[in-house]
Amino acid sequence: NRATIFTGFCHSHDLDLFREVDFDVARPFDPGSKRQIGLLSLRAVAREYWVKLNTCKLYKDLIRLATSRDIEAVRRMLNVPSLHEETLNTAVPLYRQFLTGTKESTSRIRKLYCSLYTQIQRNRFHLMRSCVFSVSGEATIAGASPFAPEFDLEGRQLNTLHLEADPTDVVLTILPTDNRTHILFTFHKRHAPKLEPLFNQMKALKEHVLKQILSKMVIMHCENTVLSP
């Protein structure tokens, strides 16, 4: 609540589900709590899932309106001053491609969301793997976002952009506290063979180098971030 509020859940369910990770003096973050890490990861994934569902709806509406030649409605949706009918002829195939890709990524994020949600409901985190870093000082950035790292620190490719691939999704949460900053990574256990070597490489870094790597990672991959003034 210090920086952002996610409105994807109703008020009562949001309070019931995430009360344990609404931290204060009486309820601090525990880096050893799998449940807290799971809840923070679920909130990050829920936000991404919610965004992708809305993006799917946007593309469907654009395709419907563009196909029916409703130029004025498309112009308003895109918030552009003018739009030519010829543009729609090239736009519709692009919108269909974007919708296909968004549906694929939405399905993937939904599986991750359902997996985390089920584990939290059962209080059994057998499918979740996590890696927690703690660095000195309160960072001027916070974030919560799933992403698929492309390479490890030695240049070994971890993911491709092909639709048929099974990306090794990672959920990143950056949690500044009063005098330290916790950086949480979670992922499904089936991706452990690919991802654990990356995190072992990161664990071997000196703190100032680790901060640089994490900063680059956020800039390259994470949309849901905030900066303090």
Protein backbone atom coordinates (compact mmCIF):
# COMPACT_ATOMS: atom_id res chain seq x y z
CA ASN A 1 0.00 0.00 0.00
CA ARG A 2 2.98 2.33 0.19
CA ALA A 3 3.34 2.46 -3.58
CA THR A 4 0.57 0.59 -5.41
CA ILE A 5 -2.70 -1.24 -4.87
CA PHE A 6 -3.70 -4.22 -6.99
CA THR A 7 -7.45 -4.11 -7.65
CA GLY A 8 -7.86 -7.53 -9.29
CA PHE A 9 -9.50 -9.06 -6.19
CA CYS A 10 -12.53 -7.82 -4.32
CA HIS A 11 -11.76 -6.11 -1.00
CA SER A 12 -12.83 -8.97 1.27
CA HIS A 13 -10.96 -11.69 -0.64
CA ASP A 14 -7.87 -9.51 -0.93
CA LEU A 15 -7.82 -8.97 2.84
CA ASP A 16 -8.47 -12.64 3.60
CA LEU A 17 -5.86 -13.98 1.19
CA PHE A 18 -3.01 -11.51 1.64
CA ARG A 19 -3.39 -10.38 5.26
CA GLU A 20 -0.28 -12.36 6.23
CA VAL A 21 1.94 -10.39 3.82
CA ASP A 22 0.56 -6.93 4.59
CA PHE A 23 3.60 -6.32 6.73
CA ASP A 24 3.92 -3.91 9.64
CA VAL A 25 5.98 -3.67 12.84
CA ALA A 26 4.03 -6.49 14.45
CA ARG A 27 4.16 -8.68 11.33
CA PRO A 28 7.59 -8.46 9.65
CA PHE A 29 8.69 -10.38 6.60
CA ASP A 30 10.22 -13.77 7.38
CA PRO A 31 12.66 -14.86 4.61
CA GLY A 32 12.33 -18.45 5.83
CA SER A 33 8.54 -18.60 5.46
CA LYS A 34 7.54 -20.51 2.35
CA ARG A 35 3.96 -19.37 2.86
CA GLN A 36 4.87 -15.68 2.86
CA ILE A 37 7.05 -16.15 -0.22
CA GLY A 38 4.24 -18.08 -1.91
CA LEU A 39 1.69 -15.36 -1.11
CA LEU A 40 3.92 -12.59 -2.43
CA SER A 41 4.55 -14.62 -5.58
CA LEU A 42 0.83 -15.29 -6.02
CA ARG A 43 0.07 -11.56 -5.83
CA ALA A 44 2.69 -10.84 -8.52
CA VAL A 45 1.33 -13.60 -10.78
CA ALA A 46 -2.30 -12.57 -10.15
CA ARG A 47 -1.54 -9.04 -11.31
CA GLU A 48 0.12 -10.34 -14.50
CA TYR A 49 -2.76 -12.78 -15.15
CA TRP A 50 -5.29 -9.96 -14.69
CA VAL A 51 -3.38 -7.71 -17.13
CA LYS A 52 -3.21 -10.45 -19.78
CA LEU A 53 -6.93 -11.21 -19.46
CA ASN A 54 -7.66 -7.53 -20.09
CA THR A 55 -5.22 -7.46 -23.02
CA CYS A 56 -6.99 -10.44 -24.61
CA LYS A 57 -10.30 -8.61 -24.30
CA LEU A 58 -8.75 -5.48 -25.85
CA TYR A 59 -7.50 -7.36 -28.93
CA LYS A 60 -10.81 -9.19 -29.35
CA ASP A 61 -12.68 -5.88 -29.26
CA LEU A 62 -10.25 -4.29 -31.72
CA ILE A 63 -10.59 -7.22 -34.15
CA ARG A 64 -14.39 -7.10 -33.90
CA LEU A 65 -14.58 -3.35 -34.47
CA ALA A 66 -11.94 -3.28 -37.20
CA THR A 67 -13.60 -6.17 -39.06
CA SER A 68 -16.92 -4.32 -38.97
CA ARG A 69 -15.13 -1.19 -40.28
CA ASP A 70 -16.08 0.90 -37.24
CA ILE A 71 -13.17 3.31 -37.71
CA GLU A 72 -14.34 5.82 -35.11
CA ALA A 73 -14.62 3.19 -32.36
CA VAL A 74 -11.15 1.82 -33.17
CA ARG A 75 -9.75 5.36 -33.16
CA ARG A 76 -11.20 5.98 -29.70
CA MET A 77 -9.86 2.68 -28.34
CA LEU A 78 -6.37 3.44 -29.66
CA ASN A 79 -6.63 7.07 -28.54
CA VAL A 80 -5.25 8.45 -31.81
CA PRO A 81 -6.36 11.72 -33.49
CA SER A 82 -7.13 10.12 -36.86
CA LEU A 83 -7.30 6.72 -38.52
CA HIS A 84 -7.56 5.72 -42.18
CA GLU A 85 -9.59 2.77 -43.42
CA GLU A 86 -6.53 1.39 -45.25
CA THR A 87 -4.79 1.08 -41.89
CA LEU A 88 -7.42 -1.40 -40.70
CA ASN A 89 -6.58 -3.76 -43.58
CA THR A 90 -3.05 -4.20 -42.27
CA ALA A 91 -3.99 -3.89 -38.59
CA VAL A 92 -6.42 -6.82 -38.33
CA PRO A 93 -3.84 -9.56 -39.18
CA LEU A 94 -1.46 -7.99 -36.67
CA TYR A 95 -4.15 -7.91 -33.98
CA ARG A 96 -4.86 -11.59 -34.64
CA GLN A 97 -1.17 -12.42 -34.20
CA PHE A 98 -1.00 -10.38 -30.99
CA LEU A 99 -4.13 -12.12 -29.69
CA THR A 100 -2.66 -15.57 -30.43
CA GLY A 101 0.53 -14.76 -28.54
CA THR A 102 -1.35 -13.18 -25.64
CA LYS A 103 -3.69 -16.19 -25.34
CA GLU A 104 -0.67 -18.50 -25.17
CA SER A 105 1.05 -16.45 -22.47
CA THR A 106 -2.23 -16.04 -20.57
CA SER A 107 -2.71 -19.81 -20.49
CA ARG A 108 0.84 -20.23 -19.18
CA ILE A 109 0.40 -17.60 -16.46
CA ARG A 110 -2.96 -19.12 -15.49
CA LYS A 111 -1.28 -22.48 -14.83
CA LEU A 112 1.32 -20.78 -12.64
CA TYR A 113 -1.40 -18.85 -10.81
CA CYS A 114 -3.48 -21.99 -10.19
CA SER A 115 -0.44 -23.91 -8.99
CA LEU A 116 0.52 -21.25 -6.44
CA TYR A 117 -3.08 -20.72 -5.33
CA THR A 118 -3.62 -24.45 -4.75
CA GLN A 119 -0.40 -24.77 -2.77
CA ILE A 120 -1.39 -21.82 -0.58
CA GLN A 121 -4.87 -23.26 0.04
CA ARG A 122 -3.33 -26.59 1.06
CA ASN A 123 -0.41 -24.94 2.88
CA ARG A 124 1.88 -27.39 1.07
CA PHE A 125 4.57 -25.87 -1.14
CA HIS A 126 5.91 -29.04 -2.74
CA LEU A 127 5.88 -27.64 -6.30
CA MET A 128 7.47 -24.28 -5.50
CA ARG A 129 11.17 -23.60 -5.44
CA SER A 130 12.51 -20.31 -4.10
CA CYS A 131 15.73 -18.35 -3.83
CA VAL A 132 15.99 -15.35 -1.50
CA PHE A 133 18.68 -12.66 -1.63
CA SER A 134 19.07 -9.96 1.00
CA VAL A 135 21.17 -6.85 0.37
CA SER A 136 22.06 -3.95 2.63
CA GLY A 137 20.08 -0.71 2.51
CA GLU A 138 16.50 0.07 1.58
CA ALA A 139 16.31 0.02 -2.21
CA THR A 140 14.71 2.89 -4.11
CA ILE A 141 12.79 0.38 -6.22
CA ALA A 142 10.09 -2.19 -5.54
CA GLY A 143 8.63 -4.70 -7.93
CA ALA A 144 6.50 -7.79 -8.38
CA SER A 145 6.53 -9.48 -11.76
CA PRO A 146 6.87 -12.88 -13.43
CA PHE A 147 9.29 -13.16 -16.35
CA ALA A 148 11.35 -15.70 -18.31
CA PRO A 149 15.11 -15.01 -18.13
CA GLU A 150 16.72 -15.42 -21.54
CA PHE A 151 20.29 -16.27 -20.50
CA ASP A 152 22.25 -17.19 -17.40
CA LEU A 153 25.31 -15.17 -16.32
CA GLU A 154 27.61 -17.29 -18.49
CA GLY A 155 25.58 -16.73 -21.65
CA ARG A 156 23.80 -20.09 -21.70
CA GLN A 157 20.36 -19.69 -23.28
CA LEU A 158 17.48 -20.53 -20.96
CA ASN A 159 14.45 -19.52 -23.03
CA THR A 160 13.30 -18.75 -26.56
CA LEU A 161 10.32 -16.80 -27.87
CA HIS A 162 8.78 -19.74 -29.75
CA LEU A 163 5.13 -20.28 -28.85
CA GLU A 164 5.57 -24.05 -28.51
CA ALA A 165 8.37 -23.66 -25.95
CA ASP A 166 7.91 -24.20 -22.21
CA PRO A 167 9.46 -21.02 -20.75
CA THR A 168 11.14 -21.25 -17.36
CA ASP A 169 9.03 -18.56 -15.72
CA VAL A 170 10.42 -16.90 -12.61
CA VAL A 171 8.43 -14.72 -10.20
CA LEU A 172 10.44 -11.79 -8.85
CA THR A 173 9.45 -9.73 -5.80
CA ILE A 174 11.60 -6.85 -4.56
CA LEU A 175 10.69 -6.01 -0.98
CA PRO A 176 12.43 -3.01 0.64
CA THR A 177 12.33 -2.91 4.44
CA ASP A 178 13.70 -0.35 6.90
CA ASN A 179 17.37 -1.27 6.55
CA ARG A 180 17.55 -4.12 4.04
CA THR A 181 16.04 -5.16 0.74
CA HIS A 182 14.84 -8.70 0.10
CA ILE A 183 14.76 -10.06 -3.44
CA LEU A 184 12.62 -13.17 -3.86
CA PHE A 185 12.63 -15.55 -6.80
CA THR A 186 10.18 -18.43 -7.09
CA PHE A 187 9.66 -20.98 -9.85
CA HIS A 188 8.08 -24.37 -10.50
CA LYS A 189 10.18 -27.36 -9.50
CA ARG A 190 10.17 -28.73 -13.06
CA HIS A 191 12.32 -25.75 -14.06
CA ALA A 192 14.87 -26.29 -11.29
CA PRO A 193 17.48 -28.03 -13.52
CA LYS A 194 17.65 -24.93 -15.75
CA LEU A 195 17.22 -22.18 -13.17
CA GLU A 196 19.14 -23.33 -10.11
CA PRO A 197 22.53 -22.96 -11.88
CA LEU A 198 21.60 -19.31 -12.62
CA PHE A 199 20.82 -18.60 -8.96
CA ASN A 200 24.00 -20.39 -7.85
CA GLN A 201 25.92 -18.03 -10.13
CA MET A 202 24.17 -15.07 -8.50
CA LYS A 203 24.91 -16.36 -5.00
CA ALA A 204 28.62 -16.35 -5.81
CA LEU A 205 28.63 -12.62 -6.67
CA LYS A 206 29.82 -9.85 -4.38
CA GLU A 207 26.96 -7.67 -3.17
CA HIS A 208 27.70 -4.62 -5.36
CA VAL A 209 27.85 -6.85 -8.48
CA LEU A 210 24.66 -8.65 -7.44
CA LYS A 211 22.89 -5.28 -7.17
CA GLN A 212 24.00 -4.40 -10.70
CA ILE A 213 22.76 -7.72 -12.09
CA LEU A 214 19.43 -7.37 -10.31
CA SER A 215 19.00 -3.80 -11.55
CA LYS A 216 19.60 -4.89 -15.15
CA MET A 217 17.21 -7.81 -14.70
CA VAL A 218 14.44 -5.47 -13.53
CA ILE A 219 15.00 -3.01 -16.40
CA MET A 220 15.05 -5.76 -19.03
CA HIS A 221 12.17 -7.93 -17.84
CA CYS A 222 9.89 -6.43 -15.19
CA GLU A 223 6.96 -4.21 -16.03
CA ASN A 224 5.32 -3.95 -12.61
CA THR A 225 7.90 -1.80 -10.80
CA VAL A 226 7.89 1.46 -8.88
CA LEU A 227 10.66 3.93 -8.07
CA SER A 228 10.78 6.16 -5.01
CA PRO A 229 11.28 9.89 -5.75
